[in-house]
Amino acid sequence: MATTPRLSPGDAAPDFTLPDADGKPVTLSDHRGQKVIVYVYPAAMTPGCTKQACDFRDSLQSLAAAGYVVLGLSPDKPAKLAKFREKEGLTFPLLSDEDKQTLTAWGAFGEKQSYGRTITGVIRSTFVVDEDGKIEVAQYAVKATGHVARLRRELGV
C-alpha cells in the first residue's frame, strides 16, 4: 500500500483558503494567534460523521473557553454542508475541499483500509494547529465515536 505523506508535530500547517457552507472563503492563516482544531471527515450526513460533528458541537463551549477554534473539513459541496449544518445545529465552520488538494496536503486523502480492502478516500483525521501555525497534534484514522472526548482529555479541556 502506498503511504500518503503525513504531517507531524512541529510541521508548518499547510495554509488553505476554502469555501464554507455559505460559500464564503475561510483562510487558516487568518487564525494565527489562535489554536485551531481542524478535523477531517469523509461525508456530511453519514452516521459516523454526524456523531463526530455533534460531539464537536456539544464540546464547542469548553473548547472555545480553552482558546480553540474548530473547523470541519470534507470534500462535500457547500450546499450539502449548509444542509448538514442546519439539520444538526452545527455552530462552527464546515469547509469544502471538493478537489481534495487541501486534504491531500494534510495527508488526509489517500489509500486506507476499509473492511479489509485497500481503497482511496478521505482519512478521518484531527489536527491541532498552534498559535504560530505549526502542527501540535496530528491524529490519523481516528474513530468517529469517542474521539472528541479523547481529544479533550489529551488537551486538558
N, C-alpha and C. Protein backbone atom coordinates (compact mmCIF):
# COMPACT_ATOMS: atom_id res chain seq x y z
N MET A 1 0.85 -1.18 0.00
CA MET A 1 0.00 0.00 0.00
C MET A 1 0.89 1.24 0.00
N ALA A 2 0.67 2.14 -0.91
CA ALA A 2 1.43 3.38 -0.96
C ALA A 2 1.00 4.25 0.22
N THR A 3 1.96 4.86 0.88
CA THR A 3 1.60 5.68 2.02
C THR A 3 1.42 7.13 1.58
N THR A 4 0.45 7.76 2.19
CA THR A 4 0.20 9.18 1.96
C THR A 4 1.12 9.95 2.90
N PRO A 5 1.85 10.96 2.41
CA PRO A 5 2.68 11.75 3.34
C PRO A 5 1.83 12.31 4.46
N ARG A 6 2.35 12.24 5.67
CA ARG A 6 1.59 12.67 6.83
C ARG A 6 2.28 13.83 7.52
N LEU A 7 1.48 14.65 8.19
CA LEU A 7 2.02 15.75 8.98
C LEU A 7 2.40 15.24 10.36
N SER A 8 3.37 15.89 10.97
CA SER A 8 3.84 15.54 12.30
C SER A 8 3.92 16.79 13.15
N PRO A 9 3.88 16.62 14.48
CA PRO A 9 4.05 17.79 15.35
C PRO A 9 5.32 18.56 15.01
N GLY A 10 5.19 19.88 14.95
CA GLY A 10 6.31 20.75 14.59
C GLY A 10 6.30 21.18 13.13
N ASP A 11 5.60 20.42 12.27
CA ASP A 11 5.49 20.80 10.86
C ASP A 11 4.65 22.07 10.73
N ALA A 12 4.94 22.87 9.71
CA ALA A 12 4.07 24.01 9.40
C ALA A 12 2.76 23.46 8.84
N ALA A 13 1.64 23.96 9.35
CA ALA A 13 0.34 23.53 8.83
C ALA A 13 0.16 24.12 7.44
N PRO A 14 -0.10 23.28 6.43
CA PRO A 14 -0.32 23.82 5.08
C PRO A 14 -1.49 24.80 5.09
N ASP A 15 -1.24 26.01 4.62
CA ASP A 15 -2.29 27.02 4.61
C ASP A 15 -3.34 26.66 3.57
N PHE A 16 -4.54 27.13 3.76
CA PHE A 16 -5.61 26.92 2.79
C PHE A 16 -6.59 28.08 2.86
N THR A 17 -7.29 28.26 1.77
CA THR A 17 -8.47 29.11 1.71
C THR A 17 -9.53 28.27 1.04
N LEU A 18 -10.59 27.96 1.78
CA LEU A 18 -11.65 27.10 1.28
C LEU A 18 -13.01 27.73 1.56
N PRO A 19 -14.00 27.43 0.72
CA PRO A 19 -15.34 27.96 0.98
C PRO A 19 -16.01 27.24 2.14
N ASP A 20 -16.76 28.01 2.94
CA ASP A 20 -17.55 27.41 4.00
C ASP A 20 -18.93 27.02 3.44
N ALA A 21 -19.83 26.63 4.32
CA ALA A 21 -21.16 26.17 3.90
C ALA A 21 -21.95 27.25 3.16
N ASP A 22 -21.59 28.51 3.37
CA ASP A 22 -22.25 29.62 2.68
C ASP A 22 -21.46 30.11 1.47
N GLY A 23 -20.36 29.43 1.15
CA GLY A 23 -19.53 29.81 0.02
C GLY A 23 -18.53 30.92 0.34
N LYS A 24 -18.48 31.36 1.61
CA LYS A 24 -17.53 32.40 2.00
C LYS A 24 -16.16 31.78 2.25
N PRO A 25 -15.08 32.43 1.76
CA PRO A 25 -13.75 31.86 1.95
C PRO A 25 -13.28 31.94 3.41
N VAL A 26 -12.67 30.86 3.87
CA VAL A 26 -12.05 30.79 5.18
C VAL A 26 -10.59 30.42 4.97
N THR A 27 -9.69 31.22 5.54
CA THR A 27 -8.25 31.01 5.38
C THR A 27 -7.66 30.63 6.73
N LEU A 28 -6.90 29.54 6.75
CA LEU A 28 -6.31 29.08 8.00
C LEU A 28 -5.42 30.14 8.63
N SER A 29 -4.56 30.77 7.82
CA SER A 29 -3.60 31.73 8.37
C SER A 29 -4.28 32.96 8.99
N ASP A 30 -5.57 33.19 8.68
CA ASP A 30 -6.30 34.27 9.34
C ASP A 30 -6.50 34.00 10.83
N HIS A 31 -6.26 32.75 11.24
CA HIS A 31 -6.44 32.36 12.64
C HIS A 31 -5.12 32.34 13.42
N ARG A 32 -4.05 32.92 12.82
CA ARG A 32 -2.79 32.99 13.58
C ARG A 32 -3.05 33.68 14.90
N GLY A 33 -2.38 33.21 15.94
CA GLY A 33 -2.61 33.76 17.27
C GLY A 33 -3.69 33.01 18.02
N GLN A 34 -4.36 32.07 17.33
CA GLN A 34 -5.38 31.23 17.97
C GLN A 34 -4.98 29.77 17.78
N LYS A 35 -5.44 28.91 18.67
CA LYS A 35 -5.28 27.47 18.50
C LYS A 35 -6.47 26.98 17.67
N VAL A 36 -6.19 26.17 16.66
CA VAL A 36 -7.24 25.73 15.75
C VAL A 36 -7.26 24.20 15.69
N ILE A 37 -8.44 23.64 15.87
CA ILE A 37 -8.65 22.21 15.65
C ILE A 37 -9.24 22.07 14.25
N VAL A 38 -8.53 21.38 13.37
CA VAL A 38 -9.04 21.08 12.03
C VAL A 38 -9.36 19.58 12.05
N TYR A 39 -10.64 19.27 11.91
CA TYR A 39 -10.98 17.85 11.85
C TYR A 39 -11.52 17.52 10.47
N VAL A 40 -11.07 16.39 9.96
CA VAL A 40 -11.38 15.94 8.61
C VAL A 40 -12.33 14.75 8.71
N TYR A 41 -13.42 14.82 7.95
CA TYR A 41 -14.39 13.73 7.94
C TYR A 41 -14.77 13.42 6.50
N PRO A 42 -15.14 12.15 6.22
CA PRO A 42 -15.39 11.76 4.83
C PRO A 42 -16.63 12.36 4.17
N ALA A 43 -17.78 12.40 4.88
CA ALA A 43 -19.01 12.83 4.20
C ALA A 43 -20.06 13.31 5.19
N ALA A 44 -20.56 14.50 4.95
CA ALA A 44 -21.64 15.06 5.77
C ALA A 44 -22.87 14.17 5.70
N MET A 45 -23.60 14.13 6.79
CA MET A 45 -24.89 13.45 6.91
C MET A 45 -24.79 11.92 6.86
N THR A 46 -23.60 11.37 7.09
CA THR A 46 -23.47 9.92 7.28
C THR A 46 -23.43 9.69 8.79
N PRO A 47 -23.77 8.50 9.26
CA PRO A 47 -23.90 8.29 10.71
C PRO A 47 -22.64 8.64 11.52
N GLY A 48 -21.49 8.14 11.12
CA GLY A 48 -20.26 8.41 11.88
C GLY A 48 -19.88 9.89 11.85
N CYS A 49 -19.99 10.50 10.69
CA CYS A 49 -19.63 11.92 10.56
C CYS A 49 -20.60 12.81 11.32
N THR A 50 -21.87 12.41 11.37
CA THR A 50 -22.85 13.17 12.14
C THR A 50 -22.52 13.06 13.63
N LYS A 51 -22.21 11.86 14.11
CA LYS A 51 -21.86 11.67 15.52
C LYS A 51 -20.65 12.54 15.87
N GLN A 52 -19.62 12.51 15.03
CA GLN A 52 -18.41 13.29 15.30
C GLN A 52 -18.71 14.79 15.30
N ALA A 53 -19.44 15.27 14.31
CA ALA A 53 -19.78 16.69 14.23
C ALA A 53 -20.58 17.13 15.45
N CYS A 54 -21.54 16.30 15.88
CA CYS A 54 -22.36 16.65 17.05
C CYS A 54 -21.52 16.62 18.32
N ASP A 55 -20.54 15.72 18.40
CA ASP A 55 -19.63 15.71 19.56
C ASP A 55 -18.82 17.02 19.60
N PHE A 56 -18.34 17.48 18.45
CA PHE A 56 -17.63 18.77 18.43
C PHE A 56 -18.59 19.90 18.80
N ARG A 57 -19.80 19.86 18.26
CA ARG A 57 -20.81 20.89 18.58
C ARG A 57 -21.05 20.94 20.09
N ASP A 58 -21.23 19.77 20.70
CA ASP A 58 -21.54 19.70 22.12
C ASP A 58 -20.35 20.07 23.00
N SER A 59 -19.14 20.01 22.44
CA SER A 59 -17.92 20.35 23.19
C SER A 59 -17.41 21.75 22.87
N LEU A 60 -18.10 22.43 21.97
CA LEU A 60 -17.59 23.70 21.45
C LEU A 60 -17.40 24.76 22.54
N GLN A 61 -18.32 24.84 23.48
CA GLN A 61 -18.21 25.86 24.52
C GLN A 61 -16.94 25.66 25.35
N SER A 62 -16.65 24.43 25.76
CA SER A 62 -15.45 24.19 26.57
C SER A 62 -14.18 24.35 25.73
N LEU A 63 -14.22 23.94 24.46
CA LEU A 63 -13.06 24.13 23.60
C LEU A 63 -12.79 25.62 23.38
N ALA A 64 -13.85 26.40 23.12
CA ALA A 64 -13.70 27.84 22.92
C ALA A 64 -13.18 28.51 24.18
N ALA A 65 -13.68 28.07 25.34
CA ALA A 65 -13.22 28.65 26.62
C ALA A 65 -11.73 28.40 26.83
N ALA A 66 -11.22 27.29 26.26
CA ALA A 66 -9.80 26.96 26.37
C ALA A 66 -8.99 27.59 25.23
N GLY A 67 -9.67 28.38 24.37
CA GLY A 67 -8.97 29.10 23.31
C GLY A 67 -8.89 28.40 21.97
N TYR A 68 -9.70 27.35 21.76
CA TYR A 68 -9.65 26.61 20.50
C TYR A 68 -10.77 27.03 19.57
N VAL A 69 -10.42 27.16 18.28
CA VAL A 69 -11.38 27.36 17.19
C VAL A 69 -11.51 26.00 16.51
N VAL A 70 -12.72 25.60 16.12
CA VAL A 70 -12.93 24.32 15.45
C VAL A 70 -13.33 24.58 13.99
N LEU A 71 -12.68 23.87 13.07
CA LEU A 71 -13.02 23.90 11.66
C LEU A 71 -13.22 22.47 11.18
N GLY A 72 -14.37 22.17 10.58
CA GLY A 72 -14.62 20.86 9.98
C GLY A 72 -14.27 20.92 8.51
N LEU A 73 -13.71 19.84 7.97
CA LEU A 73 -13.23 19.82 6.58
C LEU A 73 -13.63 18.52 5.91
N SER A 74 -14.30 18.63 4.77
CA SER A 74 -14.68 17.45 3.99
C SER A 74 -14.71 17.81 2.51
N PRO A 75 -14.83 16.79 1.64
CA PRO A 75 -14.92 17.08 0.20
C PRO A 75 -16.33 17.43 -0.26
N ASP A 76 -17.27 17.58 0.67
CA ASP A 76 -18.65 17.88 0.30
C ASP A 76 -18.78 19.28 -0.30
N LYS A 77 -19.77 19.44 -1.16
CA LYS A 77 -20.07 20.76 -1.73
C LYS A 77 -20.66 21.66 -0.64
N PRO A 78 -20.46 22.99 -0.75
CA PRO A 78 -21.01 23.91 0.26
C PRO A 78 -22.50 23.72 0.50
N ALA A 79 -23.29 23.46 -0.54
CA ALA A 79 -24.74 23.31 -0.35
C ALA A 79 -25.05 22.13 0.57
N LYS A 80 -24.32 21.03 0.43
CA LYS A 80 -24.54 19.87 1.31
C LYS A 80 -24.10 20.22 2.74
N LEU A 81 -23.00 20.97 2.87
CA LEU A 81 -22.54 21.38 4.19
C LEU A 81 -23.58 22.27 4.87
N ALA A 82 -24.22 23.14 4.11
CA ALA A 82 -25.25 24.02 4.68
C ALA A 82 -26.42 23.19 5.20
N LYS A 83 -26.84 22.18 4.45
CA LYS A 83 -27.92 21.31 4.91
C LYS A 83 -27.52 20.57 6.18
N PHE A 84 -26.29 20.08 6.21
CA PHE A 84 -25.75 19.36 7.37
C PHE A 84 -25.74 20.28 8.59
N ARG A 85 -25.25 21.50 8.39
CA ARG A 85 -25.19 22.48 9.48
C ARG A 85 -26.58 22.76 10.05
N GLU A 86 -27.54 22.98 9.15
CA GLU A 86 -28.91 23.29 9.60
C GLU A 86 -29.54 22.09 10.29
N LYS A 87 -29.40 20.92 9.70
CA LYS A 87 -30.04 19.71 10.25
C LYS A 87 -29.52 19.40 11.65
N GLU A 88 -28.20 19.59 11.88
CA GLU A 88 -27.59 19.19 13.14
C GLU A 88 -27.31 20.37 14.09
N GLY A 89 -27.65 21.58 13.67
CA GLY A 89 -27.43 22.75 14.53
C GLY A 89 -25.95 23.00 14.80
N LEU A 90 -25.13 22.81 13.78
CA LEU A 90 -23.67 22.98 13.94
C LEU A 90 -23.33 24.47 13.92
N THR A 91 -22.49 24.89 14.84
CA THR A 91 -22.21 26.32 15.02
C THR A 91 -20.75 26.67 14.78
N PHE A 92 -20.04 25.81 14.08
CA PHE A 92 -18.65 26.08 13.71
C PHE A 92 -18.54 25.92 12.20
N PRO A 93 -17.53 26.53 11.57
CA PRO A 93 -17.43 26.47 10.11
C PRO A 93 -17.18 25.06 9.58
N LEU A 94 -17.91 24.73 8.54
CA LEU A 94 -17.69 23.49 7.78
C LEU A 94 -17.12 23.92 6.44
N LEU A 95 -15.96 23.39 6.10
CA LEU A 95 -15.25 23.82 4.89
C LEU A 95 -15.30 22.75 3.81
N SER A 96 -15.37 23.21 2.58
CA SER A 96 -15.49 22.33 1.41
C SER A 96 -14.17 22.27 0.64
N ASP A 97 -13.67 21.05 0.45
CA ASP A 97 -12.46 20.83 -0.34
C ASP A 97 -12.79 19.83 -1.45
N GLU A 98 -13.60 20.29 -2.41
CA GLU A 98 -14.08 19.40 -3.46
C GLU A 98 -12.97 18.77 -4.29
N ASP A 99 -11.89 19.52 -4.55
CA ASP A 99 -10.81 18.96 -5.38
C ASP A 99 -9.79 18.16 -4.56
N LYS A 100 -10.00 18.13 -3.24
CA LYS A 100 -9.20 17.33 -2.31
C LYS A 100 -7.72 17.73 -2.24
N GLN A 101 -7.38 18.92 -2.73
CA GLN A 101 -5.98 19.36 -2.67
C GLN A 101 -5.53 19.62 -1.24
N THR A 102 -6.37 20.26 -0.45
CA THR A 102 -6.02 20.51 0.95
C THR A 102 -5.98 19.19 1.72
N LEU A 103 -6.98 18.35 1.51
CA LEU A 103 -7.00 17.04 2.19
C LEU A 103 -5.71 16.28 1.89
N THR A 104 -5.27 16.31 0.64
CA THR A 104 -4.04 15.61 0.24
C THR A 104 -2.82 16.25 0.91
N ALA A 105 -2.76 17.59 0.91
CA ALA A 105 -1.62 18.29 1.52
C ALA A 105 -1.51 17.98 3.01
N TRP A 106 -2.63 17.72 3.64
CA TRP A 106 -2.65 17.42 5.08
C TRP A 106 -2.49 15.92 5.34
N GLY A 107 -2.34 15.12 4.29
CA GLY A 107 -2.18 13.67 4.46
C GLY A 107 -3.47 12.97 4.81
N ALA A 108 -4.61 13.63 4.56
CA ALA A 108 -5.91 13.09 4.95
C ALA A 108 -6.72 12.57 3.77
N PHE A 109 -6.07 12.36 2.64
CA PHE A 109 -6.72 11.74 1.50
C PHE A 109 -5.71 10.81 0.86
N GLY A 110 -6.10 9.57 0.65
CA GLY A 110 -5.19 8.60 0.03
C GLY A 110 -5.66 7.19 0.31
N GLU A 111 -4.74 6.26 0.22
CA GLU A 111 -5.09 4.87 0.43
C GLU A 111 -5.32 4.60 1.91
N LYS A 112 -6.36 3.81 2.16
CA LYS A 112 -6.69 3.44 3.54
C LYS A 112 -7.34 2.06 3.51
N GLN A 113 -7.43 1.47 4.68
CA GLN A 113 -8.09 0.17 4.80
C GLN A 113 -9.55 0.38 5.16
N SER A 114 -10.42 -0.33 4.49
CA SER A 114 -11.84 -0.27 4.80
C SER A 114 -12.40 -1.69 4.66
N TYR A 115 -12.80 -2.26 5.78
CA TYR A 115 -13.35 -3.61 5.80
C TYR A 115 -12.41 -4.61 5.10
N GLY A 116 -11.11 -4.48 5.39
CA GLY A 116 -10.12 -5.41 4.87
C GLY A 116 -9.66 -5.14 3.45
N ARG A 117 -10.21 -4.12 2.81
CA ARG A 117 -9.81 -3.78 1.44
C ARG A 117 -9.04 -2.47 1.47
N THR A 118 -8.16 -2.32 0.49
CA THR A 118 -7.45 -1.06 0.33
C THR A 118 -8.25 -0.20 -0.65
N ILE A 119 -8.63 1.00 -0.19
CA ILE A 119 -9.38 1.92 -1.04
C ILE A 119 -8.71 3.29 -0.97
N THR A 120 -9.10 4.18 -1.88
CA THR A 120 -8.63 5.56 -1.83
C THR A 120 -9.80 6.41 -1.36
N GLY A 121 -9.53 7.24 -0.36
CA GLY A 121 -10.59 8.08 0.16
C GLY A 121 -10.11 9.02 1.23
N VAL A 122 -11.05 9.65 1.89
CA VAL A 122 -10.76 10.59 2.98
C VAL A 122 -10.39 9.78 4.22
N ILE A 123 -9.30 10.15 4.85
CA ILE A 123 -8.83 9.51 6.08
C ILE A 123 -9.28 10.40 7.23
N ARG A 124 -10.20 9.88 8.05
CA ARG A 124 -10.73 10.66 9.18
C ARG A 124 -9.55 11.03 10.08
N SER A 125 -9.33 12.33 10.24
CA SER A 125 -8.13 12.82 10.92
C SER A 125 -8.46 14.07 11.73
N THR A 126 -7.63 14.32 12.72
CA THR A 126 -7.78 15.53 13.53
C THR A 126 -6.42 16.15 13.76
N PHE A 127 -6.37 17.47 13.62
CA PHE A 127 -5.13 18.22 13.78
C PHE A 127 -5.37 19.37 14.75
N VAL A 128 -4.37 19.66 15.56
CA VAL A 128 -4.38 20.87 16.37
C VAL A 128 -3.24 21.73 15.86
N VAL A 129 -3.57 22.95 15.47
CA VAL A 129 -2.60 23.91 14.95
C VAL A 129 -2.38 24.96 16.04
N ASP A 130 -1.12 25.21 16.37
CA ASP A 130 -0.85 26.18 17.44
C ASP A 130 -0.95 27.62 16.93
N GLU A 131 -0.73 28.55 17.84
CA GLU A 131 -0.90 29.98 17.51
C GLU A 131 0.05 30.47 16.43
N ASP A 132 1.17 29.74 16.22
CA ASP A 132 2.16 30.12 15.21
C ASP A 132 1.97 29.40 13.89
N GLY A 133 0.91 28.61 13.77
CA GLY A 133 0.64 27.89 12.51
C GLY A 133 1.40 26.59 12.38
N LYS A 134 1.85 26.03 13.50
CA LYS A 134 2.56 24.74 13.48
C LYS A 134 1.62 23.64 13.97
N ILE A 135 1.83 22.46 13.44
CA ILE A 135 1.06 21.29 13.88
C ILE A 135 1.49 20.94 15.30
N GLU A 136 0.52 20.88 16.20
CA GLU A 136 0.78 20.49 17.58
C GLU A 136 0.40 19.02 17.78
N VAL A 137 -0.73 18.62 17.16
CA VAL A 137 -1.23 17.25 17.23
C VAL A 137 -1.65 16.85 15.82
N ALA A 138 -1.27 15.64 15.40
CA ALA A 138 -1.72 15.08 14.12
C ALA A 138 -2.17 13.65 14.39
N GLN A 139 -3.47 13.41 14.27
CA GLN A 139 -4.03 12.09 14.51
C GLN A 139 -4.73 11.62 13.25
N TYR A 140 -4.32 10.45 12.76
CA TYR A 140 -4.89 9.88 11.54
C TYR A 140 -5.70 8.62 11.86
N ALA A 141 -6.67 8.35 11.01
CA ALA A 141 -7.51 7.15 11.13
C ALA A 141 -8.18 7.09 12.51
N VAL A 142 -8.71 8.23 12.95
CA VAL A 142 -9.39 8.28 14.24
C VAL A 142 -10.79 7.69 14.11
N LYS A 143 -11.35 7.27 15.21
CA LYS A 143 -12.71 6.75 15.25
C LYS A 143 -13.69 7.93 15.37
N ALA A 144 -14.84 7.79 14.74
CA ALA A 144 -15.85 8.86 14.82
C ALA A 144 -16.42 8.97 16.22
N THR A 145 -16.67 7.85 16.85
CA THR A 145 -17.30 7.83 18.17
C THR A 145 -16.23 7.84 19.26
N GLY A 146 -16.38 8.76 20.21
CA GLY A 146 -15.46 8.82 21.34
C GLY A 146 -14.20 9.62 21.09
N HIS A 147 -13.97 10.02 19.85
CA HIS A 147 -12.74 10.72 19.52
C HIS A 147 -12.67 12.11 20.17
N VAL A 148 -13.76 12.85 20.14
CA VAL A 148 -13.75 14.22 20.68
C VAL A 148 -13.47 14.18 22.18
N ALA A 149 -14.08 13.24 22.88
CA ALA A 149 -13.84 13.12 24.33
C ALA A 149 -12.37 12.80 24.59
N ARG A 150 -11.78 11.92 23.79
CA ARG A 150 -10.38 11.57 23.96
C ARG A 150 -9.49 12.78 23.67
N LEU A 151 -9.79 13.51 22.61
CA LEU A 151 -9.03 14.70 22.25
C LEU A 151 -9.10 15.73 23.38
N ARG A 152 -10.29 15.92 23.94
CA ARG A 152 -10.44 16.88 25.04
C ARG A 152 -9.58 16.46 26.24
N ARG A 153 -9.57 15.18 26.55
CA ARG A 153 -8.72 14.69 27.65
C ARG A 153 -7.26 14.98 27.36
N GLU A 154 -6.82 14.68 26.13
CA GLU A 154 -5.43 14.90 25.75
C GLU A 154 -5.04 16.38 25.80
N LEU A 155 -5.99 17.26 25.49
CA LEU A 155 -5.74 18.70 25.50
C LEU A 155 -5.97 19.32 26.88
N GLY A 156 -6.49 18.52 27.80
CA GLY A 156 -6.77 19.02 29.14
C GLY A 156 -7.94 19.98 29.19
N VAL A 157 -8.93 19.78 28.30
CA VAL A 157 -10.10 20.65 28.21
C VAL A 157 -11.32 19.94 28.77
